[in-house]
Amino acid sequence: MEVTLLGTGAPAGLPRPDCPCAACATALGPDARAATAVLVDGTLLLDLTPGVAFAAARAGQSLAGVRQVLLSHPHDGPAVEVPAGLPQPVRVPDGRELALLTGHRVRAVAMDAGGTGYAVSGPDGLRLLYLPPGGAPAGLQTAPAESYHLVLADVVGRPDALARLRAVGSVGPTTDVVAVHLDHDVPPGAELRRRLAAAGARAVPDGTTLAVGAYEDVPDVPRRTLVLGGARSGKSVEAERRLESFPDVLYVATGGARGGDTEWAERVAAHRERRPGSWRTAETTDLVPLLREDGPPLLIDCLSLWLTDAMDSVGAWDDAEWADGGEKSLRERVRELAEAVRGTRRTVVAVSNEVGSGIVPATASGRRYRDELGRLNAAFGAECEQVLLVVAGQALVLRG
């Protein structure tokens, strides 16, 4: 089964007409994208979009053999005139299956936000799933007989759709996940590729033909990632974004409740509101046992608060206690944590503050904390495949 992506952009295309944003201004050449339309084996067209016939010609394809046109968008009819020779577009009711004379079978997948998804099986037994913009499958409860070979989905807009598919085995380690319906939410180019790779997905230019089931270099999601940044830099958002396409994440909050501190409570509530409902939360600084046991991905937020607790425990704020074994005890705790990170089999994303670039603290205890956090970040980062520094909401890749 072959799939040609005649367009890979949002319904309005990319760049959007008359949009002055930075993403649209840089969406040029191969980063310019027409509205998503998919041609399967030259016989099945998923979504009718403006200029689809010209897009097919540019891709070296013909629409003359198309026997079925299916709509996925929430609207009930095509936004454009049907080109001569094409059958009238239709929508398959949710749960219904359509058998084509070409040997393809199409099952309509119910969505949670309008529109229709389509699961297509080819005569060769290969399977692909195509989801509409802004939608995720509804009612997924049991694992399919096998994973899809190719998934075309709104990865940027609905990363939780991938999480749902992964939870039931519809997306497996060898599934080729290709992002479509790409809009101006993320700058094109390197930043888009980086974000998609974190979700185990990729993007391709308009006109690309994919051989379903053929081996692809599926992006390898790093097992261990450290996200650094200053105050309000966006580091926590970046860390959460890296796991939002995976199910059953355990969010490890190291800061505790801090009873009576209303400002802290507001921060905690804002973080909790951002997180997917399927994530669980554990409030603890005991990270080593979590890293040593098997389980779902961990998001640790944050190491700087873990260090505060560790320094409290060893009496690091008192010079006499620090000199009389406190420093040695802290070094041992950091070493033990780094070893646990090195040996973990879980996917781990950890957040930490980068405080070494600011004003030198006025107190000896502040300078001690700054120095120890720098050492902790270096030790933890040395065990990670990827290290990011977030500045003004922009992630800079330091490693990986």
Protein backbone atom coordinates (compact mmCIF):
# COMPACT_ATOMS: atom_id res chain seq x y z
CA MET A 1 0.00 0.00 0.00
CA GLU A 2 1.30 3.43 -0.98
CA VAL A 3 0.15 6.74 0.44
CA THR A 4 0.81 10.12 -1.18
CA LEU A 5 0.40 13.17 1.05
CA LEU A 6 -0.97 15.74 -1.38
CA GLY A 7 -1.02 18.24 1.49
CA THR A 8 0.07 18.11 5.13
CA GLY A 9 -1.15 21.46 6.48
CA ALA A 10 -4.09 22.70 8.50
CA PRO A 11 -7.42 23.32 6.71
CA ALA A 12 -6.37 26.94 6.03
CA GLY A 13 -2.93 25.84 4.84
CA LEU A 14 0.48 27.04 6.00
CA PRO A 15 1.22 29.89 5.77
CA ARG A 16 -2.31 31.03 6.48
CA PRO A 17 -3.58 33.69 4.07
CA ASP A 18 -2.93 37.21 5.39
CA CYS A 19 -1.45 35.96 8.68
CA PRO A 20 1.53 38.07 9.83
CA CYS A 21 2.81 35.65 12.53
CA ALA A 22 6.44 34.53 12.65
CA ALA A 23 5.60 30.90 11.87
CA CYS A 24 3.69 31.85 8.73
CA ALA A 25 6.44 34.27 7.69
CA THR A 26 8.99 31.44 7.75
CA ALA A 27 6.77 28.73 6.21
CA LEU A 28 8.44 28.91 2.81
CA GLY A 29 9.59 26.35 0.24
CA PRO A 30 9.36 22.80 1.64
CA ASP A 31 7.86 24.21 4.86
CA ALA A 32 4.83 25.60 3.00
CA ARG A 33 1.92 23.19 3.29
CA ALA A 34 -1.45 22.87 1.58
CA ALA A 35 -4.47 21.55 3.46
CA THR A 36 -4.05 17.85 4.24
CA ALA A 37 -5.31 15.39 1.65
CA VAL A 38 -4.23 11.76 1.33
CA LEU A 39 -4.21 9.57 -1.79
CA VAL A 40 -4.14 5.84 -1.06
CA ASP A 41 -2.94 3.55 -3.88
CA GLY A 42 -4.32 6.02 -6.43
CA THR A 43 -7.86 4.81 -5.71
CA LEU A 44 -8.96 6.31 -2.38
CA LEU A 45 -8.84 10.03 -1.57
CA LEU A 46 -9.13 11.09 2.05
CA ASP A 47 -10.33 14.71 2.17
CA LEU A 48 -11.01 16.94 -0.80
CA THR A 49 -9.07 20.21 -0.59
CA PRO A 50 -8.53 23.26 -2.82
CA GLY A 51 -6.07 22.53 -5.59
CA VAL A 52 -5.95 18.81 -4.91
CA ALA A 53 -5.75 17.93 -8.62
CA PHE A 54 -2.77 20.24 -9.12
CA ALA A 55 -1.15 18.87 -5.97
CA ALA A 56 -1.50 15.34 -7.35
CA ALA A 57 0.05 16.37 -10.66
CA ARG A 58 3.01 17.99 -8.86
CA ALA A 59 3.51 14.75 -6.94
CA GLY A 60 3.48 12.75 -10.17
CA GLN A 61 0.11 11.21 -9.36
CA SER A 62 -3.23 11.14 -11.18
CA LEU A 63 -6.70 11.28 -9.67
CA ALA A 64 -8.20 9.47 -12.67
CA GLY A 65 -8.26 6.17 -10.79
CA VAL A 66 -9.94 7.49 -7.64
CA ARG A 67 -13.06 5.45 -6.89
CA GLN A 68 -13.94 6.87 -3.47
CA VAL A 69 -13.57 10.27 -1.77
CA LEU A 70 -14.10 10.36 1.99
CA LEU A 71 -14.38 13.42 4.22
CA SER A 72 -12.91 13.58 7.69
CA HIS A 73 -13.44 17.22 8.72
CA PRO A 74 -16.36 18.17 11.01
CA HIS A 75 -18.17 20.00 8.20
CA ASP A 76 -20.70 18.06 6.13
CA GLY A 77 -19.50 18.85 2.65
CA PRO A 78 -16.44 19.79 0.64
CA ALA A 79 -15.24 23.37 0.88
CA VAL A 80 -14.41 23.30 -2.85
CA GLU A 81 -15.98 22.30 -6.10
CA VAL A 82 -15.56 18.62 -6.94
CA PRO A 83 -13.16 18.26 -9.90
CA ALA A 84 -14.55 16.60 -13.00
CA GLY A 85 -14.21 12.84 -12.93
CA LEU A 86 -14.09 12.49 -9.15
CA PRO A 87 -16.95 10.79 -7.31
CA GLN A 88 -18.97 12.87 -4.87
CA PRO A 89 -17.33 13.02 -1.43
CA VAL A 90 -19.11 11.16 1.38
CA ARG A 91 -18.64 10.47 5.06
CA VAL A 92 -18.87 6.95 6.46
CA PRO A 93 -20.97 6.76 9.66
CA ASP A 94 -18.98 6.00 12.81
CA GLY A 95 -18.27 2.30 13.21
CA ARG A 96 -19.39 1.40 9.68
CA GLU A 97 -17.06 -0.42 7.31
CA LEU A 98 -16.77 0.23 3.60
CA ALA A 99 -15.44 -2.40 1.20
CA LEU A 100 -13.98 -1.07 -2.07
CA LEU A 101 -13.76 -3.05 -5.30
CA THR A 102 -10.01 -2.43 -5.21
CA GLY A 103 -9.68 -4.69 -2.16
CA HIS A 104 -9.34 -1.89 0.39
CA ARG A 105 -11.49 -1.88 3.49
CA VAL A 106 -12.26 1.37 5.32
CA ARG A 107 -13.68 1.59 8.83
CA ALA A 108 -14.94 4.88 10.22
CA VAL A 109 -13.46 5.68 13.64
CA ALA A 110 -15.50 7.80 16.07
CA MET A 111 -13.75 10.95 17.30
CA ASP A 112 -14.08 12.96 20.48
CA ALA A 113 -14.23 16.38 18.84
CA GLY A 114 -16.22 16.09 15.65
CA GLY A 115 -15.11 14.74 12.32
CA THR A 116 -14.36 11.15 11.33
CA GLY A 117 -11.21 9.09 11.41
CA TYR A 118 -10.55 6.30 8.92
CA ALA A 119 -8.77 3.00 9.46
CA VAL A 120 -7.75 1.65 6.05
CA SER A 121 -6.63 -1.92 5.34
CA GLY A 122 -5.02 -2.60 1.98
CA PRO A 123 -5.25 -5.74 -0.14
CA ASP A 124 -1.79 -6.62 1.17
CA GLY A 125 -2.99 -6.55 4.79
CA LEU A 126 -1.15 -3.37 5.70
CA ARG A 127 -3.04 -0.91 7.91
CA LEU A 128 -3.07 2.85 8.25
CA LEU A 129 -5.05 5.24 10.45
CA TYR A 130 -5.95 8.75 9.36
CA LEU A 131 -7.34 11.22 11.92
CA PRO A 132 -8.97 14.61 11.25
CA PRO A 133 -7.59 17.92 12.56
CA GLY A 134 -8.11 18.53 16.26
CA GLY A 135 -9.48 15.05 16.92
CA ALA A 136 -8.59 11.97 18.95
CA PRO A 137 -10.25 8.54 18.80
CA ALA A 138 -13.12 8.08 21.23
CA GLY A 139 -13.95 4.91 23.15
CA LEU A 140 -10.64 3.08 22.76
CA GLN A 141 -10.65 0.36 25.40
CA THR A 142 -9.19 -2.84 24.02
CA ALA A 143 -6.00 -3.50 22.13
CA PRO A 144 -6.27 -4.22 18.39
CA ALA A 145 -5.01 -7.43 16.84
CA GLU A 146 -1.89 -5.54 15.79
CA SER A 147 -0.51 -2.02 15.67
CA TYR A 148 -1.09 0.21 12.68
CA HIS A 149 1.79 0.38 10.25
CA LEU A 150 1.22 4.09 9.57
CA VAL A 151 -0.64 6.74 11.55
CA LEU A 152 -1.41 10.18 10.08
CA ALA A 153 -2.58 12.48 12.87
CA ASP A 154 -2.65 15.99 14.29
CA VAL A 155 0.34 15.31 16.54
CA VAL A 156 0.97 18.97 17.41
CA GLY A 157 -2.64 19.91 18.11
CA ARG A 158 -3.74 16.68 19.82
CA PRO A 159 -0.71 14.83 21.26
CA ASP A 160 -3.10 13.04 23.62
CA ALA A 161 -4.47 11.19 20.58
CA LEU A 162 -1.12 9.40 20.34
CA ALA A 163 -1.21 8.68 24.06
CA ARG A 164 -4.61 7.01 23.67
CA LEU A 165 -3.43 4.95 20.71
CA ARG A 166 -0.27 3.90 22.54
CA ALA A 167 -2.28 2.92 25.61
CA VAL A 168 -4.21 0.27 23.68
CA GLY A 169 -1.36 -0.86 21.43
CA SER A 170 -2.64 0.77 18.24
CA VAL A 171 0.68 2.62 18.02
CA GLY A 172 3.68 0.42 18.70
CA PRO A 173 7.46 0.81 18.55
CA THR A 174 7.55 0.24 14.77
CA THR A 175 4.53 2.39 13.85
CA ASP A 176 5.47 5.23 11.53
CA VAL A 177 3.73 8.31 12.96
CA VAL A 178 3.56 11.21 10.51
CA ALA A 179 2.19 14.59 11.55
CA VAL A 180 -0.46 16.19 9.33
CA HIS A 181 -2.83 19.16 9.66
CA LEU A 182 0.25 21.23 10.59
CA ASP A 183 -0.63 24.80 11.51
CA HIS A 184 1.24 27.89 12.68
CA ASP A 185 1.30 26.85 16.36
CA VAL A 186 4.93 25.73 16.05
CA PRO A 187 7.64 27.43 13.93
CA PRO A 188 8.49 25.21 10.95
CA GLY A 189 11.89 23.68 10.41
CA ALA A 190 14.17 22.60 13.24
CA GLU A 191 11.75 23.44 16.07
CA LEU A 192 8.93 21.42 14.50
CA ARG A 193 11.24 18.46 13.90
CA ARG A 194 12.47 18.62 17.51
CA ARG A 195 8.98 18.63 19.01
CA LEU A 196 7.76 15.82 16.78
CA ALA A 197 10.82 13.69 17.51
CA ALA A 198 10.06 13.98 21.23
CA ALA A 199 6.68 12.37 20.47
CA GLY A 200 8.19 9.67 18.27
CA ALA A 201 6.78 11.29 15.14
CA ARG A 202 8.01 13.08 12.03
CA ALA A 203 6.85 15.43 9.29
CA VAL A 204 7.31 15.11 5.53
CA PRO A 205 6.93 17.68 2.74
CA ASP A 206 3.79 17.90 0.63
CA GLY A 207 3.86 15.46 -2.27
CA THR A 208 5.75 12.74 -0.38
CA THR A 209 4.82 9.15 -1.19
CA LEU A 210 5.16 6.67 1.67
CA ALA A 211 5.32 2.90 1.33
CA VAL A 212 3.17 1.66 4.20
CA GLY A 213 4.96 -0.97 6.22
CA ALA A 214 8.39 -0.17 4.83
CA TYR A 215 11.09 0.39 7.44
CA GLU A 216 11.41 4.00 8.46
CA ASP A 217 13.91 5.59 10.79
CA VAL A 218 11.30 6.23 13.48
CA PRO A 219 12.55 8.97 15.83
CA ASP A 220 14.10 7.45 18.93
CA VAL A 221 12.58 9.08 22.00
CA PRO A 222 15.38 9.69 24.54
CA ARG A 223 15.07 7.57 27.68
CA ARG A 224 16.53 10.31 29.90
CA THR A 225 16.13 14.05 29.37
CA LEU A 226 17.12 16.98 31.58
CA VAL A 227 15.34 20.30 30.99
CA LEU A 228 17.10 23.35 32.47
CA GLY A 229 15.92 26.94 32.63
CA GLY A 230 15.52 30.04 34.73
CA ALA A 231 12.42 31.26 36.53
CA ARG A 232 9.34 31.40 34.29
CA SER A 233 11.43 30.33 31.31
CA GLY A 234 8.91 27.69 30.21
CA LYS A 235 11.01 24.72 31.31
CA SER A 236 8.12 22.88 32.98
CA VAL A 237 5.90 23.38 29.94
CA GLU A 238 8.68 22.00 27.73
CA ALA A 239 9.10 18.97 29.99
CA GLU A 240 5.37 18.25 30.06
CA ARG A 241 5.16 18.64 26.29
CA ARG A 242 7.76 15.90 25.83
CA LEU A 243 5.53 13.30 27.53
CA GLU A 244 2.00 14.41 26.65
CA SER A 245 1.82 11.91 23.77
CA PHE A 246 2.51 9.00 26.14
CA PRO A 247 -0.03 7.36 28.49
CA ASP A 248 0.18 6.72 32.23
CA VAL A 249 2.89 9.23 33.08
CA LEU A 250 3.83 9.54 36.76
CA TYR A 251 4.36 13.20 37.66
CA VAL A 252 6.80 13.38 40.59
CA ALA A 253 6.35 16.66 42.48
CA THR A 254 9.31 17.24 44.79
CA GLY A 255 8.06 20.49 46.31
CA GLY A 256 5.42 19.17 48.69
CA ALA A 257 2.23 20.97 49.70
CA ARG A 258 3.72 23.86 51.76
CA GLY A 259 0.62 24.39 53.87
CA GLY A 260 -0.37 28.04 54.29
CA ASP A 261 1.59 29.30 51.27
CA THR A 262 -1.20 30.44 48.94
CA GLU A 263 1.17 31.58 46.19
CA TRP A 264 2.77 28.12 46.12
CA ALA A 265 -0.66 26.51 46.08
CA GLU A 266 -1.56 28.59 43.01
CA ARG A 267 1.61 27.44 41.25
CA VAL A 268 0.84 23.79 42.01
CA ALA A 269 -2.76 24.21 40.80
CA ALA A 270 -1.56 25.78 37.51
CA HIS A 271 0.79 22.86 36.90
CA ARG A 272 -1.93 20.32 37.72
CA GLU A 273 -4.39 22.04 35.38
CA ARG A 274 -1.94 21.75 32.47
CA ARG A 275 -1.33 18.04 32.89
CA PRO A 276 -3.39 15.39 31.06
CA GLY A 277 -6.08 13.77 33.20
CA SER A 278 -4.55 10.32 32.70
CA TRP A 279 -1.33 11.28 34.51
CA ARG A 280 -0.83 10.32 38.15
CA THR A 281 0.97 12.47 40.72
CA ALA A 282 3.35 11.46 43.51
CA GLU A 283 4.61 14.06 45.97
CA THR A 284 8.01 12.78 47.10
CA THR A 285 11.73 13.51 47.11
CA ASP A 286 12.60 9.80 47.30
CA LEU A 287 13.58 9.50 43.65
CA VAL A 288 16.04 6.61 43.72
CA PRO A 289 13.44 3.83 44.33
CA LEU A 290 11.23 5.23 41.56
CA LEU A 291 14.13 5.22 39.12
CA ARG A 292 15.15 1.68 40.03
CA GLU A 293 11.73 0.08 39.55
CA ASP A 294 9.98 -0.54 36.25
CA GLY A 295 6.93 1.49 35.34
CA PRO A 296 5.50 4.26 33.18
CA PRO A 297 7.47 7.39 32.26
CA LEU A 298 8.51 9.74 35.07
CA LEU A 299 8.35 13.52 34.95
CA ILE A 300 10.37 14.91 37.85
CA ASP A 301 9.67 18.54 38.69
CA CYS A 302 12.05 19.54 39.99
CA LEU A 303 15.65 18.65 40.95
CA SER A 304 16.27 22.03 42.57
CA LEU A 305 13.61 21.28 45.20
CA TRP A 306 15.03 17.78 45.64
CA LEU A 307 18.37 19.43 46.39
CA THR A 308 16.80 21.79 48.93
CA ASP A 309 15.38 18.80 50.79
CA ALA A 310 18.69 16.93 50.59
CA MET A 311 20.64 19.92 51.90
CA ASP A 312 18.15 20.33 54.74
CA SER A 313 18.66 16.68 55.66
CA VAL A 314 22.47 16.89 55.86
CA GLY A 315 22.56 20.23 57.67
CA ALA A 316 24.17 22.02 54.76
CA TRP A 317 23.12 25.47 55.96
CA ASP A 318 25.28 25.24 59.08
CA ASP A 319 28.99 25.66 58.40
CA ALA A 320 30.02 23.34 61.23
CA GLU A 321 27.66 20.53 60.16
CA TRP A 322 28.66 21.04 56.54
CA ALA A 323 32.34 20.63 57.38
CA ASP A 324 31.65 17.75 59.78
CA GLY A 325 30.27 15.30 57.23
CA GLY A 326 27.38 17.24 55.69
CA GLU A 327 29.20 17.93 52.44
CA LYS A 328 30.30 14.30 52.15
CA SER A 329 26.74 13.09 52.79
CA LEU A 330 25.32 15.35 50.10
CA ARG A 331 27.91 14.18 47.58
CA GLU A 332 26.88 10.59 48.33
CA ARG A 333 23.19 11.39 47.76
CA VAL A 334 23.93 13.04 44.43
CA ARG A 335 26.13 10.12 43.38
CA GLU A 336 23.39 7.64 44.30
CA LEU A 337 20.82 9.63 42.31
CA ALA A 338 23.11 9.81 39.26
CA GLU A 339 23.70 6.05 39.41
CA ALA A 340 19.96 5.43 39.57
CA VAL A 341 19.47 7.62 36.49
CA ARG A 342 22.21 5.72 34.68
CA GLY A 343 20.60 2.35 35.39
CA THR A 344 16.94 3.24 34.98
CA ARG A 345 14.82 1.47 32.38
CA ARG A 346 12.05 4.05 32.59
CA THR A 347 11.62 7.06 30.37
CA VAL A 348 12.57 10.05 32.54
CA VAL A 349 12.18 13.77 31.97
CA ALA A 350 13.57 15.91 34.81
CA VAL A 351 13.32 19.67 35.33
CA SER A 352 15.88 21.80 37.12
CA ASN A 353 16.69 25.47 37.58
CA GLU A 354 19.71 27.06 35.99
CA VAL A 355 20.85 29.59 38.59
CA GLY A 356 24.53 29.99 37.80
CA SER A 357 24.09 32.78 35.27
CA GLY A 358 22.41 35.32 37.53
CA ILE A 359 23.42 37.60 40.36
CA VAL A 360 25.87 36.13 42.87
CA PRO A 361 23.86 35.36 46.04
CA ALA A 362 24.52 37.75 48.92
CA THR A 363 24.70 35.01 51.57
CA ALA A 364 27.08 32.13 52.06
CA SER A 365 24.17 29.66 52.18
CA GLY A 366 22.81 31.03 48.90
CA ARG A 367 26.19 30.66 47.23
CA ARG A 368 26.49 27.12 48.60
CA TYR A 369 23.09 26.20 47.16
CA ARG A 370 23.96 27.73 43.80
CA ASP A 371 27.21 25.77 43.64
CA GLU A 372 25.62 22.48 44.68
CA LEU A 373 22.78 22.87 42.19
CA GLY A 374 25.33 23.41 39.43
CA ARG A 375 27.10 20.21 40.47
CA LEU A 376 23.81 18.29 40.66
CA ASN A 377 22.73 19.47 37.21
CA ALA A 378 26.07 18.47 35.74
CA ALA A 379 25.97 15.02 37.36
CA PHE A 380 22.36 14.36 36.33
CA GLY A 381 22.86 15.74 32.82
CA ALA A 382 25.91 13.54 32.29
CA GLU A 383 23.63 10.49 32.51
CA CYS A 384 21.02 11.83 30.04
CA GLU A 385 20.80 11.29 26.30
CA GLN A 386 19.34 14.76 25.88
CA VAL A 387 19.82 18.02 27.77
CA LEU A 388 17.85 21.17 26.95
CA LEU A 389 18.17 24.76 28.11
CA VAL A 390 14.93 26.77 27.92
CA VAL A 391 15.29 30.54 27.52
CA ALA A 392 12.27 32.80 26.97
CA GLY A 393 10.18 29.76 26.09
CA GLN A 394 12.67 28.59 23.45
CA ALA A 395 14.42 25.24 23.92
CA LEU A 396 18.10 25.06 23.03
CA VAL A 397 19.48 21.54 22.61
CA LEU A 398 22.73 21.18 24.56
CA ARG A 399 23.02 17.44 24.02
CA GLY A 400 21.19 14.89 21.90
